[in-house]
Amino acid sequence: MSFLPSPPRRLFFSALQAPKGRVGGATALTDFRRVYRDVPKKLRNKLAEKKLRYTRTHHRQGSSKWLTNDITALSSWSDVFGTTNKTLIEEMSKEEGLPVRWENNGETYVAEYQSEPFQFHPETKEPVWFNHAQVFHWTTFPAELFFAFRRSKDVRFLFRSVANWIVSFVTYVLFRKKMALNVSFGDGTPISFWEISQIRKAVHRNMVFNQWEKGDLLMIDNFSTSHGREPTYAKGRKIVVAWSDPLSKSDDFVYG
């Protein structure tokens, strides 16, 4: 949730039911203090100078699941906000600090804003990699499926990775479409394949996996540790999450 203007300070997870198989389904945890140090300095310098731009786009009708691998694009703006009242949607967005505009004669909701790529930890004051660049990039889904194959040796992940690389390349490179949740440098220039690969490498170098058992509880410091879900074909996984203490991000990060 680092892309939000006021992310929660802490996250709480509990396993009501663990995955029935032992392949995938774990919660990935990454130390973002170490990621900050491991991302190449040249790329950190570029991010510090340009910042990041997040763009959220939802249409009146969500996309068909047969035409996209972008899960967020499946939801219309009325699905996301639970209402068709644009005034209420604008008010809810304002509460989250999101500037809103309507495009295509009011058919398309767009929230776009700039954000710092790094933060100081609110207690330790350590510099932290605090952004969603590695999540809201068109290469992420197929790349993570390939990583799942490397960990599990389950060829289903490999086949899905290859298929999604093809779909993503056609959609986002050839047709130049954007993901519903898209990230770029602050001036609007795309984060290149090579740059996102460097970021992804630093993230995976500092990643561990929490394998769930029924009744497990997990609390994380959201300003130092990121979370994600490992892909799985196992059935029955039911993990609930809650968060607390939203904290406004600071703009006083001094890079150097």
Protein backbone atom coordinates (compact mmCIF):
# COMPACT_ATOMS: atom_id res chain seq x y z
CA MET A 1 0.00 0.00 0.00
CA SER A 2 3.01 2.29 -0.33
CA PHE A 3 1.35 3.99 -3.31
CA LEU A 4 -1.35 5.50 -1.06
CA PRO A 5 -0.87 9.02 0.36
CA SER A 6 -1.55 7.63 3.88
CA PRO A 7 -0.60 3.94 4.08
CA PRO A 8 -1.40 1.90 7.20
CA ARG A 9 1.40 1.68 9.73
CA ARG A 10 0.77 -1.98 10.56
CA LEU A 11 -0.83 -4.95 8.84
CA PHE A 12 -2.30 -8.02 10.53
CA PHE A 13 -2.86 -11.38 8.81
CA SER A 14 -4.50 -14.58 9.98
CA ALA A 15 -4.93 -17.97 8.32
CA LEU A 16 -8.53 -19.14 8.62
CA GLN A 17 -7.60 -21.95 6.28
CA ALA A 18 -4.21 -22.87 4.87
CA PRO A 19 -3.71 -23.96 1.24
CA LYS A 20 -4.36 -27.67 0.84
CA GLY A 21 -1.18 -28.15 -1.18
CA ARG A 22 2.39 -27.22 -0.31
CA VAL A 23 3.15 -25.61 -3.68
CA GLY A 24 2.67 -21.84 -3.59
CA GLY A 25 0.19 -19.82 -1.58
CA ALA A 26 2.74 -18.45 0.89
CA THR A 27 2.90 -14.77 1.81
CA ALA A 28 6.06 -13.16 0.48
CA LEU A 29 7.76 -10.69 2.85
CA THR A 30 10.49 -8.28 1.75
CA ASP A 31 12.75 -6.03 3.82
CA PHE A 32 12.49 -2.70 2.02
CA ARG A 33 15.36 -1.20 3.99
CA ARG A 34 17.68 -3.70 2.33
CA VAL A 35 16.02 -3.17 -1.07
CA TYR A 36 16.84 0.54 -0.81
CA ARG A 37 20.50 -0.33 -0.32
CA ASP A 38 20.56 -2.99 -3.05
CA VAL A 39 18.98 -1.00 -5.88
CA PRO A 40 21.89 0.38 -7.97
CA LYS A 41 22.85 3.91 -6.97
CA LYS A 42 22.46 5.28 -10.51
CA LEU A 43 18.84 4.14 -10.58
CA ARG A 44 18.22 5.47 -7.06
CA ASN A 45 19.57 8.83 -8.19
CA LYS A 46 17.19 8.87 -11.16
CA LEU A 47 14.21 7.99 -8.97
CA ALA A 48 15.14 10.62 -6.40
CA GLU A 49 15.29 13.27 -9.12
CA LYS A 50 12.22 12.32 -11.14
CA LYS A 51 9.96 10.83 -8.42
CA LEU A 52 7.17 8.43 -9.40
CA ARG A 53 3.80 9.00 -11.01
CA TYR A 54 0.90 6.68 -10.19
CA THR A 55 -2.09 6.58 -12.53
CA ARG A 56 -5.27 4.70 -11.67
CA THR A 57 -7.79 4.20 -14.48
CA HIS A 58 -11.24 2.59 -14.36
CA HIS A 59 -13.88 2.58 -17.09
CA ARG A 60 -17.65 2.46 -16.77
CA GLN A 61 -17.44 -1.22 -17.74
CA GLY A 62 -14.66 -3.47 -16.52
CA SER A 63 -12.60 -5.47 -19.00
CA SER A 64 -13.40 -9.09 -19.81
CA LYS A 65 -11.18 -11.61 -18.03
CA TRP A 66 -10.61 -13.23 -21.44
CA LEU A 67 -9.10 -10.05 -22.87
CA THR A 68 -6.64 -8.99 -20.16
CA ASN A 69 -4.28 -10.34 -17.50
CA ASP A 70 -4.61 -7.08 -15.54
CA ILE A 71 -6.80 -8.00 -12.56
CA THR A 72 -7.47 -4.38 -11.62
CA ALA A 73 -8.86 -3.65 -15.10
CA LEU A 74 -11.66 -6.15 -14.49
CA SER A 75 -13.36 -3.71 -12.12
CA SER A 76 -15.39 -0.71 -13.25
CA TRP A 77 -15.28 2.49 -11.21
CA SER A 78 -18.68 1.66 -9.74
CA ASP A 79 -17.31 -1.75 -8.66
CA VAL A 80 -14.32 -0.13 -6.99
CA PHE A 81 -16.27 2.54 -5.08
CA GLY A 82 -19.56 0.69 -4.61
CA THR A 83 -21.61 3.50 -6.13
CA THR A 84 -22.48 5.10 -9.48
CA ASN A 85 -22.65 8.56 -7.89
CA LYS A 86 -19.66 10.48 -9.27
CA THR A 87 -19.89 13.13 -6.57
CA LEU A 88 -19.50 10.49 -3.86
CA ILE A 89 -16.62 8.92 -5.78
CA GLU A 90 -14.87 12.28 -5.97
CA GLU A 91 -15.41 12.82 -2.23
CA MET A 92 -14.00 9.39 -1.36
CA SER A 93 -11.02 10.02 -3.60
CA LYS A 94 -10.43 13.41 -1.98
CA GLU A 95 -10.42 11.78 1.45
CA GLU A 96 -7.57 9.57 0.22
CA GLY A 97 -5.72 12.56 -1.22
CA LEU A 98 -6.30 11.45 -4.82
CA PRO A 99 -6.87 14.14 -7.48
CA VAL A 100 -9.55 12.93 -9.90
CA ARG A 101 -10.50 13.71 -13.48
CA TRP A 102 -13.11 12.18 -15.78
CA GLU A 103 -12.21 11.37 -19.36
CA ASN A 104 -14.09 10.06 -22.43
CA ASN A 105 -17.20 12.15 -21.70
CA GLY A 106 -17.34 11.01 -18.10
CA GLU A 107 -16.94 7.32 -18.90
CA THR A 108 -13.43 6.93 -17.46
CA TYR A 109 -12.20 7.63 -13.94
CA VAL A 110 -8.56 8.72 -13.68
CA ALA A 111 -6.63 9.47 -10.49
CA GLU A 112 -3.06 10.60 -11.07
CA TYR A 113 -0.52 11.86 -8.59
CA GLN A 114 3.20 12.06 -7.93
CA SER A 115 4.92 10.34 -5.02
CA GLU A 116 8.33 10.04 -3.41
CA PRO A 117 10.02 6.70 -4.14
CA PHE A 118 11.68 6.56 -0.70
CA GLN A 119 10.71 7.32 2.88
CA PHE A 120 12.42 7.57 6.23
CA HIS A 121 11.15 4.94 8.63
CA PRO A 122 8.91 6.81 11.12
CA GLU A 123 10.76 5.40 14.15
CA THR A 124 14.27 4.32 13.16
CA LYS A 125 14.71 7.03 10.48
CA GLU A 126 16.35 4.48 8.19
CA PRO A 127 15.92 5.11 4.46
CA VAL A 128 13.33 2.73 3.02
CA TRP A 129 12.39 1.74 -0.53
CA PHE A 130 8.72 2.72 -0.36
CA ASN A 131 6.88 2.45 -3.65
CA HIS A 132 4.99 0.09 -5.96
CA ALA A 133 7.22 0.35 -9.03
CA GLN A 134 7.82 -3.41 -9.04
CA VAL A 135 4.07 -4.12 -8.71
CA PHE A 136 2.40 -1.76 -11.19
CA HIS A 137 4.65 -2.57 -14.13
CA TRP A 138 3.50 -4.56 -17.16
CA THR A 139 6.33 -7.10 -16.78
CA THR A 140 5.49 -8.06 -13.21
CA PHE A 141 2.80 -10.72 -13.59
CA PRO A 142 4.63 -12.91 -16.14
CA ALA A 143 7.93 -12.43 -14.30
CA GLU A 144 6.45 -13.51 -10.96
CA LEU A 145 4.92 -16.59 -12.59
CA PHE A 146 8.39 -17.50 -13.86
CA PHE A 147 9.87 -17.03 -10.37
CA ALA A 148 7.09 -19.29 -9.03
CA PHE A 149 8.15 -21.94 -11.56
CA ARG A 150 11.79 -21.67 -10.49
CA ARG A 151 10.85 -22.16 -6.83
CA SER A 152 8.27 -24.92 -7.30
CA LYS A 153 9.34 -26.63 -10.56
CA ASP A 154 5.62 -26.79 -11.41
CA VAL A 155 5.51 -26.50 -15.22
CA ARG A 156 2.02 -24.98 -15.09
CA PHE A 157 3.61 -21.77 -13.85
CA LEU A 158 6.10 -21.86 -16.73
CA PHE A 159 3.35 -22.26 -19.36
CA ARG A 160 1.33 -19.44 -17.80
CA SER A 161 4.40 -17.23 -17.62
CA VAL A 162 5.16 -17.69 -21.33
CA ALA A 163 1.52 -17.06 -22.28
CA ASN A 164 1.38 -13.92 -20.16
CA TRP A 165 4.66 -12.60 -21.56
CA ILE A 166 3.12 -12.82 -25.03
CA VAL A 167 -0.16 -11.17 -24.01
CA SER A 168 1.64 -8.43 -22.04
CA PHE A 169 4.08 -7.65 -24.84
CA VAL A 170 1.28 -7.33 -27.39
CA THR A 171 -0.94 -5.29 -25.07
CA TYR A 172 1.52 -2.91 -23.46
CA VAL A 173 4.37 -2.68 -26.01
CA LEU A 174 2.77 -3.14 -29.42
CA PHE A 175 -0.66 -1.61 -28.64
CA ARG A 176 0.82 0.83 -26.06
CA LYS A 177 -2.00 0.36 -23.57
CA LYS A 178 -1.52 1.11 -19.88
CA MET A 179 -2.35 -0.99 -16.85
CA ALA A 180 -5.32 0.10 -14.72
CA LEU A 181 -2.78 0.76 -11.96
CA ASN A 182 0.24 2.15 -13.77
CA VAL A 183 3.53 3.56 -12.54
CA SER A 184 6.08 5.66 -14.41
CA PHE A 185 8.76 8.19 -13.58
CA GLY A 186 7.33 11.47 -12.34
CA ASP A 187 7.76 13.15 -15.71
CA GLY A 188 5.68 10.42 -17.37
CA THR A 189 8.54 8.52 -19.00
CA PRO A 190 8.21 4.73 -18.67
CA ILE A 191 10.37 2.67 -16.35
CA SER A 192 12.37 0.53 -18.78
CA PHE A 193 12.56 -3.25 -18.86
CA TRP A 194 16.19 -3.09 -17.70
CA GLU A 195 15.42 -0.70 -14.84
CA ILE A 196 12.49 -2.75 -13.54
CA SER A 197 14.65 -5.88 -13.78
CA GLN A 198 17.23 -4.26 -11.50
CA ILE A 199 14.50 -3.36 -9.02
CA ARG A 200 12.97 -6.84 -9.17
CA LYS A 201 16.37 -8.42 -8.57
CA ALA A 202 16.87 -6.33 -5.41
CA VAL A 203 13.36 -7.20 -4.18
CA HIS A 204 13.78 -10.94 -4.66
CA ARG A 205 17.22 -10.92 -3.06
CA ASN A 206 15.59 -9.75 0.19
CA MET A 207 12.42 -11.87 0.07
CA VAL A 208 11.33 -14.68 2.40
CA PHE A 209 8.13 -16.74 2.37
CA ASN A 210 5.72 -17.38 5.22
CA GLN A 211 4.08 -20.79 4.77
CA TRP A 212 0.67 -20.76 6.40
CA GLU A 213 -0.86 -23.16 8.89
CA LYS A 214 -4.43 -22.79 10.10
CA GLY A 215 -4.62 -20.35 13.02
CA ASP A 216 -1.34 -18.57 12.25
CA LEU A 217 -1.13 -14.85 13.00
CA LEU A 218 1.29 -12.43 11.37
CA MET A 219 1.89 -8.73 12.03
CA ILE A 220 4.20 -6.62 9.88
CA ASP A 221 5.63 -3.14 10.06
CA ASN A 222 4.27 -1.76 6.81
CA PHE A 223 6.92 0.97 6.65
CA SER A 224 9.79 -1.50 6.49
CA THR A 225 8.31 -4.75 5.18
CA SER A 226 6.29 -5.37 2.05
CA HIS A 227 3.95 -8.30 1.49
CA GLY A 228 2.63 -10.22 -1.48
CA ARG A 229 0.97 -13.52 -2.33
CA GLU A 230 2.84 -16.37 -3.97
CA PRO A 231 0.89 -17.86 -6.91
CA THR A 232 -0.70 -21.25 -6.24
CA TYR A 233 -3.00 -23.83 -7.78
CA ALA A 234 -3.84 -25.21 -4.33
CA LYS A 235 -7.43 -24.87 -3.16
CA GLY A 236 -8.85 -23.67 0.14
CA ARG A 237 -6.50 -20.81 0.98
CA LYS A 238 -8.29 -18.24 3.15
CA ILE A 239 -6.15 -15.48 4.66
CA VAL A 240 -7.80 -12.44 6.23
CA VAL A 241 -6.10 -9.08 6.68
CA ALA A 242 -6.67 -5.92 8.69
CA TRP A 243 -4.67 -2.73 9.04
CA SER A 244 -4.30 0.11 11.49
CA ASP A 245 -2.80 3.53 12.15
CA PRO A 246 -2.74 5.20 8.73
CA LEU A 247 0.26 7.49 8.53
CA SER A 248 0.72 10.26 5.98
CA LYS A 249 3.87 9.89 3.96
CA SER A 250 6.51 12.53 4.39
CA ASP A 251 7.91 14.74 1.63
CA ASP A 252 11.02 15.60 3.64
CA PHE A 253 13.18 12.71 2.41
CA VAL A 254 16.62 14.10 1.62
CA TYR A 255 18.50 11.86 -0.80
CA GLY A 256 22.23 11.70 -0.77
